């Protein structure tokens, strides 16, 4: 079963994956293993529980108990000004979240809306 998160947008798709036997990654995806067992990627690499892995153009032919996959079709190593503008304008930063505590403003963290 997969469930798309509400904060998916035109730049990336975020999904909860549960009890899936096969995952095809087109372009790029960050997969976070939320399960208790490692996920065998198939090239000899594994995603250990509670860790993430950046994948590109591959197929995971292993049982995925529970994971989050964020898929996108651009090279994450390249600066994407349009995506940066979108995230800065649409997501919260610590200055927006904690306007009364300037000590937290130094962290460059953007947070998407919360999925309920």
PDB file of N, CA and C in Angstrom:
ATOM      1  N   UNK A   1       0.833  -1.172   0.000  1.00  0.00           N
ATOM      2  CA  UNK A   1       0.000   0.000   0.000  1.00  0.00           C
ATOM      3  C   UNK A   1       0.884   1.243   0.000  1.00  0.00           C
ATOM      4  N   UNK A   2       0.517   2.218  -0.789  1.00  0.00           N
ATOM      5  CA  UNK A   2       1.195   3.509  -0.747  1.00  0.00           C
ATOM      6  C   UNK A   2       0.156   4.599  -0.541  1.00  0.00           C
ATOM      7  N   UNK A   3       0.545   5.634   0.174  1.00  0.00           N
ATOM      8  CA  UNK A   3      -0.333   6.766   0.431  1.00  0.00           C
ATOM      9  C   UNK A   3       0.472   8.031   0.189  1.00  0.00           C
ATOM     10  N   UNK A   4       0.002   8.859  -0.717  1.00  0.00           N
ATOM     11  CA  UNK A   4       0.695  10.105  -1.013  1.00  0.00           C
ATOM     12  C   UNK A   4       0.401  11.137   0.072  1.00  0.00           C
ATOM     13  N   UNK A   5       1.448  11.805   0.545  1.00  0.00           N
ATOM     14  CA  UNK A   5       1.284  12.836   1.555  1.00  0.00           C
ATOM     15  C   UNK A   5       0.730  14.114   0.951  1.00  0.00           C
ATOM     16  N   UNK A   6      -0.014  14.859   1.747  1.00  0.00           N
ATOM     17  CA  UNK A   6      -0.679  16.076   1.285  1.00  0.00           C
ATOM     18  C   UNK A   6       0.304  17.160   0.864  1.00  0.00           C
ATOM     19  N   UNK A   7       1.525  17.138   1.379  1.00  0.00           N
ATOM     20  CA  UNK A   7       2.486  18.185   1.021  1.00  0.00           C
ATOM     21  C   UNK A   7       3.284  17.876  -0.246  1.00  0.00           C
ATOM     22  N   UNK A   8       2.938  16.806  -0.955  1.00  0.00           N
ATOM     23  CA  UNK A   8       3.526  16.563  -2.278  1.00  0.00           C
ATOM     24  C   UNK A   8       3.160  17.739  -3.177  1.00  0.00           C
ATOM     25  N   UNK A   9       4.007  18.008  -4.146  1.00  0.00           N
ATOM     26  CA  UNK A   9       3.764  19.173  -5.005  1.00  0.00           C
ATOM     27  C   UNK A   9       4.366  18.925  -6.381  1.00  0.00           C
ATOM     28  N   UNK A  10       4.475  19.973  -7.181  1.00  0.00           N
ATOM     29  CA  UNK A  10       4.963  19.783  -8.552  1.00  0.00           C
ATOM     30  C   UNK A  10       6.455  19.459  -8.615  1.00  0.00           C
ATOM     31  N   UNK A  11       7.180  19.607  -7.519  1.00  0.00           N
ATOM     32  CA  UNK A  11       8.612  19.327  -7.500  1.00  0.00           C
ATOM     33  C   UNK A  11       8.942  17.919  -7.016  1.00  0.00           C
ATOM     34  N   UNK A  12       8.159  17.400  -6.080  1.00  0.00           N
ATOM     35  CA  UNK A  12       8.427  16.067  -5.561  1.00  0.00           C
ATOM     36  C   UNK A  12       7.142  15.432  -5.043  1.00  0.00           C
ATOM     37  N   UNK A  13       7.181  14.115  -4.983  1.00  0.00           N
ATOM     38  CA  UNK A  13       6.078  13.329  -4.445  1.00  0.00           C
ATOM     39  C   UNK A  13       6.584  12.623  -3.190  1.00  0.00           C
ATOM     40  N   UNK A  14       5.862  12.772  -2.108  1.00  0.00           N
ATOM     41  CA  UNK A  14       6.209  12.094  -0.858  1.00  0.00           C
ATOM     42  C   UNK A  14       5.124  11.068  -0.562  1.00  0.00           C
ATOM     43  N   UNK A  15       5.559   9.830  -0.286  1.00  0.00           N
ATOM     44  CA  UNK A  15       4.604   8.745  -0.061  1.00  0.00           C
ATOM     45  C   UNK A  15       4.996   7.897   1.134  1.00  0.00           C
ATOM     46  N   UNK A  16       3.984   7.415   1.844  1.00  0.00           N
ATOM     47  CA  UNK A  16       4.167   6.392   2.857  1.00  0.00           C
ATOM     48  C   UNK A  16       4.018   5.051   2.157  1.00  0.00           C
ATOM     49  N   UNK A  17       4.958   4.158   2.380  1.00  0.00           N
ATOM     50  CA  UNK A  17       4.949   2.836   1.754  1.00  0.00           C
ATOM     51  C   UNK A  17       4.852   1.798   2.864  1.00  0.00           C
ATOM     52  N   UNK A  18       3.875   0.905   2.760  1.00  0.00           N
ATOM     53  CA  UNK A  18       3.704  -0.150   3.760  1.00  0.00           C
ATOM     54  C   UNK A  18       3.436  -1.478   3.070  1.00  0.00           C
ATOM     55  N   UNK A  19       4.146  -2.500   3.488  1.00  0.00           N
ATOM     56  CA  UNK A  19       3.959  -3.870   2.997  1.00  0.00           C
ATOM     57  C   UNK A  19       3.977  -3.937   1.477  1.00  0.00           C
ATOM     58  N   UNK A  20       5.065  -3.463   0.900  1.00  0.00           N
ATOM     59  CA  UNK A  20       5.250  -3.474  -0.559  1.00  0.00           C
ATOM     60  C   UNK A  20       6.432  -4.383  -0.878  1.00  0.00           C
ATOM     61  N   UNK A  21       6.289  -5.217  -1.903  1.00  0.00           N
ATOM     62  CA  UNK A  21       7.340  -6.161  -2.269  1.00  0.00           C
ATOM     63  C   UNK A  21       8.292  -5.648  -3.336  1.00  0.00           C
ATOM     64  N   UNK A  22       7.973  -4.527  -3.968  1.00  0.00           N
ATOM     65  CA  UNK A  22       8.768  -4.056  -5.087  1.00  0.00           C
ATOM     66  C   UNK A  22       8.570  -2.553  -5.216  1.00  0.00           C
ATOM     67  N   UNK A  23       9.658  -1.807  -5.359  1.00  0.00           N
ATOM     68  CA  UNK A  23       9.571  -0.358  -5.535  1.00  0.00           C
ATOM     69  C   UNK A  23      10.454   0.057  -6.695  1.00  0.00           C
ATOM     70  N   UNK A  24       9.867   0.709  -7.675  1.00  0.00           N
ATOM     71  CA  UNK A  24      10.621   1.211  -8.820  1.00  0.00           C
ATOM     72  C   UNK A  24      10.900   2.689  -8.595  1.00  0.00           C
ATOM     73  N   UNK A  25      12.169   3.067  -8.685  1.00  0.00           N
ATOM     74  CA  UNK A  25      12.575   4.462  -8.532  1.00  0.00           C
ATOM     75  C   UNK A  25      12.939   4.989  -9.910  1.00  0.00           C
ATOM     76  N   UNK A  26      12.123   5.907 -10.393  1.00  0.00           N
ATOM     77  CA  UNK A  26      12.432   6.592 -11.652  1.00  0.00           C
ATOM     78  C   UNK A  26      13.102   7.898 -11.270  1.00  0.00           C
ATOM     79  N   UNK A  27      14.127   8.268 -11.950  1.00  0.00           N
ATOM     80  CA  UNK A  27      14.906   9.459 -11.625  1.00  0.00           C
ATOM     81  C   UNK A  27      15.507   9.315 -10.228  1.00  0.00           C
ATOM     82  N   UNK A  28      15.108  10.168  -9.286  1.00  0.00           N
ATOM     83  CA  UNK A  28      15.698  10.174  -7.945  1.00  0.00           C
ATOM     84  C   UNK A  28      14.638   9.927  -6.878  1.00  0.00           C
ATOM     85  N   UNK A  29      15.068   9.372  -5.745  1.00  0.00           N
ATOM     86  CA  UNK A  29      14.198   9.246  -4.570  1.00  0.00           C
ATOM     87  C   UNK A  29      15.065   9.127  -3.327  1.00  0.00           C
ATOM     88  N   UNK A  30      14.593   9.733  -2.274  1.00  0.00           N
ATOM     89  CA  UNK A  30      15.172   9.513  -0.951  1.00  0.00           C
ATOM     90  C   UNK A  30      14.212   8.568  -0.252  1.00  0.00           C
ATOM     91  N   UNK A  31      14.720   7.410   0.163  1.00  0.00           N
ATOM     92  CA  UNK A  31      13.899   6.412   0.831  1.00  0.00           C
ATOM     93  C   UNK A  31      14.360   6.330   2.285  1.00  0.00           C
ATOM     94  N   UNK A  32      13.410   6.518   3.197  1.00  0.00           N
ATOM     95  CA  UNK A  32      13.675   6.430   4.633  1.00  0.00           C
ATOM     96  C   UNK A  32      13.038   5.141   5.140  1.00  0.00           C
ATOM     97  N   UNK A  33      13.851   4.253   5.661  1.00  0.00           N
ATOM     98  CA  UNK A  33      13.370   2.965   6.161  1.00  0.00           C
ATOM     99  C   UNK A  33      12.818   3.147   7.574  1.00  0.00           C
ATOM    100  N   UNK A  34      11.507   3.056   7.714  1.00  0.00           N
ATOM    101  CA  UNK A  34      10.859   3.173   9.020  1.00  0.00           C
ATOM    102  C   UNK A  34      10.612   1.822   9.664  1.00  0.00           C
ATOM    103  N   UNK A  35      10.946   0.762   8.964  1.00  0.00           N
ATOM    104  CA  UNK A  35      10.723  -0.586   9.476  1.00  0.00           C
ATOM    105  C   UNK A  35      11.827  -1.058  10.400  1.00  0.00           C
ATOM    106  N   UNK A  36      11.665  -2.271  10.909  1.00  0.00           N
ATOM    107  CA  UNK A  36      12.653  -2.864  11.816  1.00  0.00           C
ATOM    108  C   UNK A  36      13.660  -3.751  11.088  1.00  0.00           C
ATOM    109  N   UNK A  37      13.450  -3.993   9.793  1.00  0.00           N
ATOM    110  CA  UNK A  37      14.350  -4.831   9.009  1.00  0.00           C
ATOM    111  C   UNK A  37      15.020  -3.990   7.928  1.00  0.00           C
ATOM    112  N   UNK A  38      16.243  -4.379   7.556  1.00  0.00           N
ATOM    113  CA  UNK A  38      16.946  -3.693   6.480  1.00  0.00           C
ATOM    114  C   UNK A  38      16.244  -3.935   5.147  1.00  0.00           C
ATOM    115  N   UNK A  39      16.392  -2.999   4.234  1.00  0.00           N
ATOM    116  CA  UNK A  39      15.851  -3.126   2.878  1.00  0.00           C
ATOM    117  C   UNK A  39      17.035  -3.352   1.941  1.00  0.00           C
ATOM    118  N   UNK A  40      17.018  -4.463   1.226  1.00  0.00           N
ATOM    119  CA  UNK A  40      18.073  -4.779   0.267  1.00  0.00           C
ATOM    120  C   UNK A  40      17.776  -4.050  -1.033  1.00  0.00           C
ATOM    121  N   UNK A  41      18.671  -3.163  -1.435  1.00  0.00           N
ATOM    122  CA  UNK A  41      18.448  -2.374  -2.650  1.00  0.00           C
ATOM    123  C   UNK A  41      18.698  -3.199  -3.905  1.00  0.00           C
ATOM    124  N   UNK A  42      19.569  -4.163  -3.829  1.00  0.00           N
ATOM    125  CA  UNK A  42      19.776  -5.036  -4.978  1.00  0.00           C
ATOM    126  C   UNK A  42      21.144  -4.882  -5.603  1.00  0.00           C
ATOM    127  N   UNK A  43      21.851  -3.822  -5.309  1.00  0.00           N
ATOM    128  CA  UNK A  43      23.203  -3.646  -5.844  1.00  0.00           C
ATOM    129  C   UNK A  43      24.243  -3.963  -4.775  1.00  0.00           C
ATOM    130  N   UNK A  44      23.800  -4.648  -3.723  1.00  0.00           N
ATOM    131  CA  UNK A  44      24.683  -4.950  -2.604  1.00  0.00           C
ATOM    132  C   UNK A  44      24.524  -3.966  -1.459  1.00  0.00           C
ATOM    133  N   UNK A  45      23.813  -2.871  -1.708  1.00  0.00           N
ATOM    134  CA  UNK A  45      23.580  -1.864  -0.670  1.00  0.00           C
ATOM    135  C   UNK A  45      22.296  -2.187   0.081  1.00  0.00           C
ATOM    136  N   UNK A  46      22.243  -1.720   1.314  1.00  0.00           N
ATOM    137  CA  UNK A  46      21.039  -1.884   2.114  1.00  0.00           C
ATOM    138  C   UNK A  46      20.689  -0.555   2.778  1.00  0.00           C
ATOM    139  N   UNK A  47      19.408  -0.427   3.115  1.00  0.00           N
ATOM    140  CA  UNK A  47      18.965   0.701   3.928  1.00  0.00           C
ATOM    141  C   UNK A  47      18.632   0.110   5.291  1.00  0.00           C
ATOM    142  N   UNK A  48      19.461   0.405   6.260  1.00  0.00           N
ATOM    143  CA  UNK A  48      19.238  -0.139   7.600  1.00  0.00           C
ATOM    144  C   UNK A  48      18.041   0.570   8.230  1.00  0.00           C
ATOM    145  N   UNK A  49      17.424  -0.038   9.241  1.00  0.00           N
ATOM    146  CA  UNK A  49      16.267   0.588   9.880  1.00  0.00           C
ATOM    147  C   UNK A  49      16.585   2.000  10.385  1.00  0.00           C
ATOM    148  N   UNK A  50      15.644   2.887  10.156  1.00  0.00           N
ATOM    149  CA  UNK A  50      15.689   4.264  10.639  1.00  0.00           C
ATOM    150  C   UNK A  50      16.786   5.104   9.988  1.00  0.00           C
ATOM    151  N   UNK A  51      17.183   4.721   8.785  1.00  0.00           N
ATOM    152  CA  UNK A  51      18.160   5.487   7.997  1.00  0.00           C
ATOM    153  C   UNK A  51      17.579   5.729   6.611  1.00  0.00           C
ATOM    154  N   UNK A  52      18.201   6.660   5.876  1.00  0.00           N
ATOM    155  CA  UNK A  52      17.731   6.978   4.530  1.00  0.00           C
ATOM    156  C   UNK A  52      18.832   6.721   3.519  1.00  0.00           C
ATOM    157  N   UNK A  53      18.422   6.708   2.246  1.00  0.00           N
ATOM    158  CA  UNK A  53      19.353   6.444   1.153  1.00  0.00           C
ATOM    159  C   UNK A  53      18.856   7.191  -0.070  1.00  0.00           C
ATOM    160  N   UNK A  54      19.754   7.832  -0.798  1.00  0.00           N
ATOM    161  CA  UNK A  54      19.405   8.492  -2.051  1.00  0.00           C
ATOM    162  C   UNK A  54      19.579   7.486  -3.178  1.00  0.00           C
ATOM    163  N   UNK A  55      18.518   7.243  -3.926  1.00  0.00           N
ATOM    164  CA  UNK A  55      18.532   6.261  -5.009  1.00  0.00           C
ATOM    165  C   UNK A  55      18.311   6.959  -6.349  1.00  0.00           C
ATOM    166  N   UNK A  56      18.768   6.311  -7.416  1.00  0.00           N
ATOM    167  CA  UNK A  56      18.557   6.836  -8.761  1.00  0.00           C
ATOM    168  C   UNK A  56      18.328   5.674  -9.721  1.00  0.00           C
ATOM    169  N   UNK A  57      17.205   5.743 -10.463  1.00  0.00           N
ATOM    170  CA  UNK A  57      16.902   4.771 -11.521  1.00  0.00           C
ATOM    171  C   UNK A  57      17.186   3.325 -11.107  1.00  0.00           C
ATOM    172  N   UNK A  58      16.395   2.823 -10.187  1.00  0.00           N
ATOM    173  CA  UNK A  58      16.622   1.447  -9.755  1.00  0.00           C
ATOM    174  C   UNK A  58      15.298   0.803  -9.352  1.00  0.00           C
ATOM    175  N   UNK A  59      15.388  -0.486  -9.085  1.00  0.00           N
ATOM    176  CA  UNK A  59      14.220  -1.228  -8.626  1.00  0.00           C
ATOM    177  C   UNK A  59      14.609  -1.997  -7.373  1.00  0.00           C
ATOM    178  N   UNK A  60      13.865  -1.775  -6.296  1.00  0.00           N
ATOM    179  CA  UNK A  60      14.078  -2.524  -5.063  1.00  0.00           C
ATOM    180  C   UNK A  60      13.167  -3.738  -5.124  1.00  0.00           C
ATOM    181  N   UNK A  61      13.763  -4.920  -5.164  1.00  0.00           N
ATOM    182  CA  UNK A  61      12.985  -6.161  -5.235  1.00  0.00           C
ATOM    183  C   UNK A  61      13.001  -6.856  -3.889  1.00  0.00           C
ATOM    184  N   UNK A  62      12.763  -6.091  -2.858  1.00  0.00           N
ATOM    185  CA  UNK A  62      12.773  -6.615  -1.499  1.00  0.00           C
ATOM    186  C   UNK A  62      11.506  -6.158  -0.799  1.00  0.00           C
ATOM    187  N   UNK A  63      11.126  -6.858   0.230  1.00  0.00           N
ATOM    188  CA  UNK A  63       9.952  -6.491   1.023  1.00  0.00           C
ATOM    189  C   UNK A  63      10.251  -5.201   1.785  1.00  0.00           C
ATOM    190  N   UNK A  64       9.370  -4.241   1.633  1.00  0.00           N
ATOM    191  CA  UNK A  64       9.467  -2.982   2.375  1.00  0.00           C
ATOM    192  C   UNK A  64       8.320  -2.978   3.371  1.00  0.00           C
ATOM    193  N   UNK A  65       8.665  -3.091   4.646  1.00  0.00           N
ATOM    194  CA  UNK A  65       7.629  -3.121   5.684  1.00  0.00           C
ATOM    195  C   UNK A  65       6.987  -1.752   5.849  1.00  0.00           C
ATOM    196  N   UNK A  66       7.828  -0.738   6.006  1.00  0.00           N
ATOM    197  CA  UNK A  66       7.322   0.626   6.208  1.00  0.00           C
ATOM    198  C   UNK A  66       8.441   1.601   5.862  1.00  0.00           C
ATOM    199  N   UNK A  67       8.126   2.550   4.983  1.00  0.00           N
ATOM    200  CA  UNK A  67       9.131   3.523   4.559  1.00  0.00           C
ATOM    201  C   UNK A  67       8.436   4.786   4.054  1.00  0.00           C
ATOM    202  N   UNK A  68       9.221   5.826   3.929  1.00  0.00           N
ATOM    203  CA  UNK A  68       8.780   7.048   3.264  1.00  0.00           C
ATOM    204  C   UNK A  68       9.686   7.226   2.059  1.00  0.00           C
ATOM    205  N   UNK A  69       9.095   7.526   0.916  1.00  0.00           N
ATOM    206  CA  UNK A  69       9.857   7.790  -0.302  1.00  0.00           C
ATOM    207  C   UNK A  69       9.513   9.177  -0.804  1.00  0.00           C
ATOM    208  N   UNK A  70      10.538   9.967  -1.032  1.00  0.00           N
ATOM    209  CA  UNK A  70      10.370  11.296  -1.621  1.00  0.00           C
ATOM    210  C   UNK A  70      11.012  11.222  -3.000  1.00  0.00           C
ATOM    211  N   UNK A  71      10.184  11.286  -4.046  1.00  0.00           N
ATOM    212  CA  UNK A  71      10.642  11.115  -5.424  1.00  0.00           C
ATOM    213  C   UNK A  71      10.679  12.461  -6.138  1.00  0.00           C
ATOM    214  N   UNK A  72      11.689  12.641  -6.990  1.00  0.00           N
ATOM    215  CA  UNK A  72      11.818  13.886  -7.743  1.00  0.00           C
ATOM    216  C   UNK A  72      12.608  13.615  -9.018  1.00  0.00           C
ATOM    217  N   UNK A  73      12.504  14.536  -9.982  1.00  0.00           N
ATOM    218  CA  UNK A  73      13.121  14.296 -11.286  1.00  0.00           C
ATOM    219  C   UNK A  73      14.209  15.304 -11.628  1.00  0.00           C
ATOM    220  N   UNK A  74      14.907  15.809 -10.615  1.00  0.00           N
ATOM    221  CA  UNK A  74      16.010  16.729 -10.860  1.00  0.00           C
ATOM    222  C   UNK A  74      17.209  16.302 -10.024  1.00  0.00           C
ATOM    223  N   UNK A  75      18.386  16.684 -10.468  1.00  0.00           N
ATOM    224  CA  UNK A  75      19.619  16.313  -9.783  1.00  0.00           C
ATOM    225  C   UNK A  75      19.707  17.092  -8.472  1.00  0.00           C
ATOM    226  N   UNK A  76      19.709  16.407  -7.328  1.00  0.00           N
ATOM    227  CA  UNK A  76      19.730  17.123  -6.055  1.00  0.00           C
ATOM    228  C   UNK A  76      21.039  17.854  -5.789  1.00  0.00           C
ATOM    229  N   UNK A  77      22.088  17.552  -6.553  1.00  0.00           N
ATOM    230  CA  UNK A  77      23.367  18.233  -6.365  1.00  0.00           C
ATOM    231  C   UNK A  77      23.402  19.599  -7.053  1.00  0.00           C
ATOM    232  N   UNK A  78      22.439  19.861  -7.902  1.00  0.00           N
ATOM    233  CA  UNK A  78      22.402  21.139  -8.617  1.00  0.00           C
ATOM    234  C   UNK A  78      21.435  22.087  -7.927  1.00  0.00           C
ATOM    235  N   UNK A  79      21.783  23.337  -7.915  1.00  0.00           N
ATOM    236  CA  UNK A  79      20.913  24.346  -7.309  1.00  0.00           C
ATOM    237  C   UNK A  79      19.689  24.530  -8.193  1.00  0.00           C
ATOM    238  N   UNK A  80      18.523  24.541  -7.583  1.00  0.00           N
ATOM    239  CA  UNK A  80      17.267  24.711  -8.293  1.00  0.00           C
ATOM    240  C   UNK A  80      16.571  25.946  -7.705  1.00  0.00           C
ATOM    241  N   UNK A  81      16.791  27.120  -8.302  1.00  0.00           N
ATOM    242  CA  UNK A  81      16.236  28.357  -7.730  1.00  0.00           C
ATOM    243  C   UNK A  81      14.711  28.346  -7.630  1.00  0.00           C
ATOM    244  N   UNK A  82      14.042  27.747  -8.592  1.00  0.00           N
ATOM    245  CA  UNK A  82      12.572  27.705  -8.563  1.00  0.00           C
ATOM    246  C   UNK A  82      12.079  26.890  -7.366  1.00  0.00           C
ATOM    247  N   UNK A  83      12.711  25.751  -7.116  1.00  0.00           N
ATOM    248  CA  UNK A  83      12.360  24.932  -5.955  1.00  0.00           C
ATOM    249  C   UNK A  83      12.684  25.664  -4.655  1.00  0.00           C
ATOM    250  N   UNK A  84      13.834  26.311  -4.598  1.00  0.00           N
ATOM    251  CA  UNK A  84      14.204  27.064  -3.397  1.00  0.00           C
ATOM    252  C   UNK A  84      13.189  28.154  -3.101  1.00  0.00           C
ATOM    253  N   UNK A  85      12.781  28.893  -4.114  1.00  0.00           N
ATOM    254  CA  UNK A  85      11.780  29.952  -3.930  1.00  0.00           C
ATOM    255  C   UNK A  85      10.461  29.371  -3.437  1.00  0.00           C
ATOM    256  N   UNK A  86      10.074  28.235  -4.015  1.00  0.00           N
ATOM    257  CA  UNK A  86       8.826  27.586  -3.594  1.00  0.00           C
ATOM    258  C   UNK A  86       8.895  27.205  -2.117  1.00  0.00           C
ATOM    259  N   UNK A  87       9.962  26.539  -1.710  1.00  0.00           N
ATOM    260  CA  UNK A  87      10.075  26.072  -0.326  1.00  0.00           C
ATOM    261  C   UNK A  87      10.134  27.240   0.649  1.00  0.00           C
ATOM    262  N   UNK A  88      10.888  28.276   0.323  1.00  0.00           N
ATOM    263  CA  UNK A  88      10.999  29.426   1.220  1.00  0.00           C
ATOM    264  C   UNK A  88       9.646  30.119   1.382  1.00  0.00           C
ATOM    265  N   UNK A  89       8.874  30.198   0.312  1.00  0.00           N
ATOM    266  CA  UNK A  89       7.590  30.893   0.386  1.00  0.00           C
ATOM    267  C   UNK A  89       6.467  30.017   0.955  1.00  0.00           C
ATOM    268  N   UNK A  90       6.573  28.697   0.817  1.00  0.00           N
ATOM    269  CA  UNK A  90       5.477  27.805   1.200  1.00  0.00           C
ATOM    270  C   UNK A  90       5.692  27.075   2.521  1.00  0.00           C
ATOM    271  N   UNK A  91       6.926  26.897   2.917  1.00  0.00           N
ATOM    272  CA  UNK A  91       7.219  26.129   4.114  1.00  0.00           C
ATOM    273  C   UNK A  91       7.620  27.062   5.233  1.00  0.00           C
ATOM    274  N   UNK A  92       7.570  26.551   6.450  1.00  0.00           N
ATOM    275  CA  UNK A  92       7.957  27.346   7.620  1.00  0.00           C
ATOM    276  C   UNK A  92       9.453  27.239   7.861  1.00  0.00           C
ATOM    277  N   UNK A  93      10.029  28.347   8.290  1.00  0.00           N
ATOM    278  CA  UNK A  93      11.386  28.301   8.806  1.00  0.00           C
ATOM    279  C   UNK A  93      11.311  28.584  10.301  1.00  0.00           C
ATOM    280  N   UNK A  94      12.423  28.512  10.972  1.00  0.00           N
ATOM    281  CA  UNK A  94      12.390  28.685  12.421  1.00  0.00           C
ATOM    282  C   UNK A  94      12.001  30.103  12.838  1.00  0.00           C
ATOM    283  N   UNK A  95      12.257  31.083  11.995  1.00  0.00           N
ATOM    284  CA  UNK A  95      11.844  32.450  12.347  1.00  0.00           C
ATOM    285  C   UNK A  95      10.323  32.567  12.350  1.00  0.00           C
ATOM    286  N   UNK A  96       9.663  31.879  11.412  1.00  0.00           N
ATOM    287  CA  UNK A  96       8.203  31.871  11.386  1.00  0.00           C
ATOM    288  C   UNK A  96       7.632  31.045  12.543  1.00  0.00           C
ATOM    289  N   UNK A  97       8.288  29.924  12.853  1.00  0.00           N
ATOM    290  CA  UNK A  97       7.772  29.038  13.896  1.00  0.00           C
ATOM    291  C   UNK A  97       8.016  29.567  15.303  1.00  0.00           C
ATOM    292  N   UNK A  98       9.158  30.236  15.481  1.00  0.00           N
ATOM    293  CA  UNK A  98       9.531  30.734  16.813  1.00  0.00           C
ATOM    294  C   UNK A  98       9.852  32.230  16.753  1.00  0.00           C
ATOM    295  N   UNK A  99       8.885  33.079  16.451  1.00  0.00           N
ATOM    296  CA  UNK A  99       9.187  34.505  16.299  1.00  0.00           C
ATOM    297  C   UNK A  99       9.709  35.151  17.586  1.00  0.00           C
ATOM    298  N   UNK A 100       9.406  34.561  18.729  1.00  0.00           N
ATOM    299  CA  UNK A 100       9.817  35.144  20.007  1.00  0.00           C
ATOM    300  C   UNK A 100      11.214  34.702  20.449  1.00  0.00           C
ATOM    301  N   UNK A 101      11.802  33.717  19.772  1.00  0.00           N
ATOM    302  CA  UNK A 101      13.095  33.165  20.198  1.00  0.00           C
ATOM    303  C   UNK A 101      14.114  33.240  19.064  1.00  0.00           C
ATOM    304  N   UNK A 102      14.829  34.348  18.985  1.00  0.00           N
ATOM    305  CA  UNK A 102      15.782  34.562  17.885  1.00  0.00           C
ATOM    306  C   UNK A 102      16.983  33.619  17.946  1.00  0.00           C
ATOM    307  N   UNK A 103      17.209  32.934  19.055  1.00  0.00           N
ATOM    308  CA  UNK A 103      18.328  31.994  19.126  1.00  0.00           C
ATOM    309  C   UNK A 103      18.109  30.796  18.197  1.00  0.00           C
ATOM    310  N   UNK A 104      16.859  30.520  17.837  1.00  0.00           N
ATOM    311  CA  UNK A 104      16.553  29.395  16.948  1.00  0.00           C
ATOM    312  C   UNK A 104      16.572  29.791  15.473  1.00  0.00           C
ATOM    313  N   UNK A 105      16.734  31.067  15.171  1.00  0.00           N
ATOM    314  CA  UNK A 105      16.670  31.527  13.783  1.00  0.00           C
ATOM    315  C   UNK A 105      17.907  31.158  12.977  1.00  0.00           C
ATOM    316  N   UNK A 106      19.004  30.819  13.635  1.00  0.00           N
ATOM    317  CA  UNK A 106      20.251  30.553  12.926  1.00  0.00           C
ATOM    318  C   UNK A 106      20.215  29.242  12.140  1.00  0.00           C
ATOM    319  N   UNK A 107      19.287  28.353  12.482  1.00  0.00           N
ATOM    320  CA  UNK A 107      19.221  27.062  11.806  1.00  0.00           C
ATOM    321  C   UNK A 107      18.492  27.200  10.477  1.00  0.00           C
ATOM    322  N   UNK A 108      19.103  26.723   9.420  1.00  0.00           N
ATOM    323  CA  UNK A 108      18.552  26.816   8.069  1.00  0.00           C
ATOM    324  C   UNK A 108      17.686  25.594   7.776  1.00  0.00           C
ATOM    325  N   UNK A 109      16.600  25.467   8.511  1.00  0.00           N
ATOM    326  CA  UNK A 109      15.701  24.321   8.355  1.00  0.00           C
ATOM    327  C   UNK A 109      14.373  24.816   7.818  1.00  0.00           C
ATOM    328  N   UNK A 110      13.899  24.174   6.760  1.00  0.00           N
ATOM    329  CA  UNK A 110      12.556  24.456   6.249  1.00  0.00           C
ATOM    330  C   UNK A 110      11.693  23.247   6.565  1.00  0.00           C
ATOM    331  N   UNK A 111      10.474  23.506   6.995  1.00  0.00           N
ATOM    332  CA  UNK A 111       9.576  22.412   7.378  1.00  0.00           C
ATOM    333  C   UNK A 111       8.323  22.458   6.530  1.00  0.00           C
ATOM    334  N   UNK A 112       7.989  21.335   5.964  1.00  0.00           N
ATOM    335  CA  UNK A 112       6.773  21.214   5.158  1.00  0.00           C
ATOM    336  C   UNK A 112       5.552  21.238   6.074  1.00  0.00           C
ATOM    337  N   UNK A 113       4.372  21.394   5.505  1.00  0.00           N
ATOM    338  CA  UNK A 113       3.175  21.223   6.333  1.00  0.00           C
ATOM    339  C   UNK A 113       3.154  19.828   6.953  1.00  0.00           C
ATOM    340  N   UNK A 114       2.474  19.688   8.057  1.00  0.00           N
ATOM    341  CA  UNK A 114       2.415  18.408   8.767  1.00  0.00           C
ATOM    342  C   UNK A 114       1.340  17.526   8.151  1.00  0.00           C
ATOM    343  N   UNK A 115       1.678  16.273   7.953  1.00  0.00           N
ATOM    344  CA  UNK A 115       0.721  15.283   7.469  1.00  0.00           C
ATOM    345  C   UNK A 115      -0.002  14.688   8.660  1.00  0.00           C
ATOM    346  N   UNK A 116      -1.311  14.652   8.629  1.00  0.00           N
ATOM    347  CA  UNK A 116      -2.078  14.087   9.747  1.00  0.00           C
ATOM    348  C   UNK A 116      -2.714  12.778   9.321  1.00  0.00           C
TER     349      UNK A 116
END
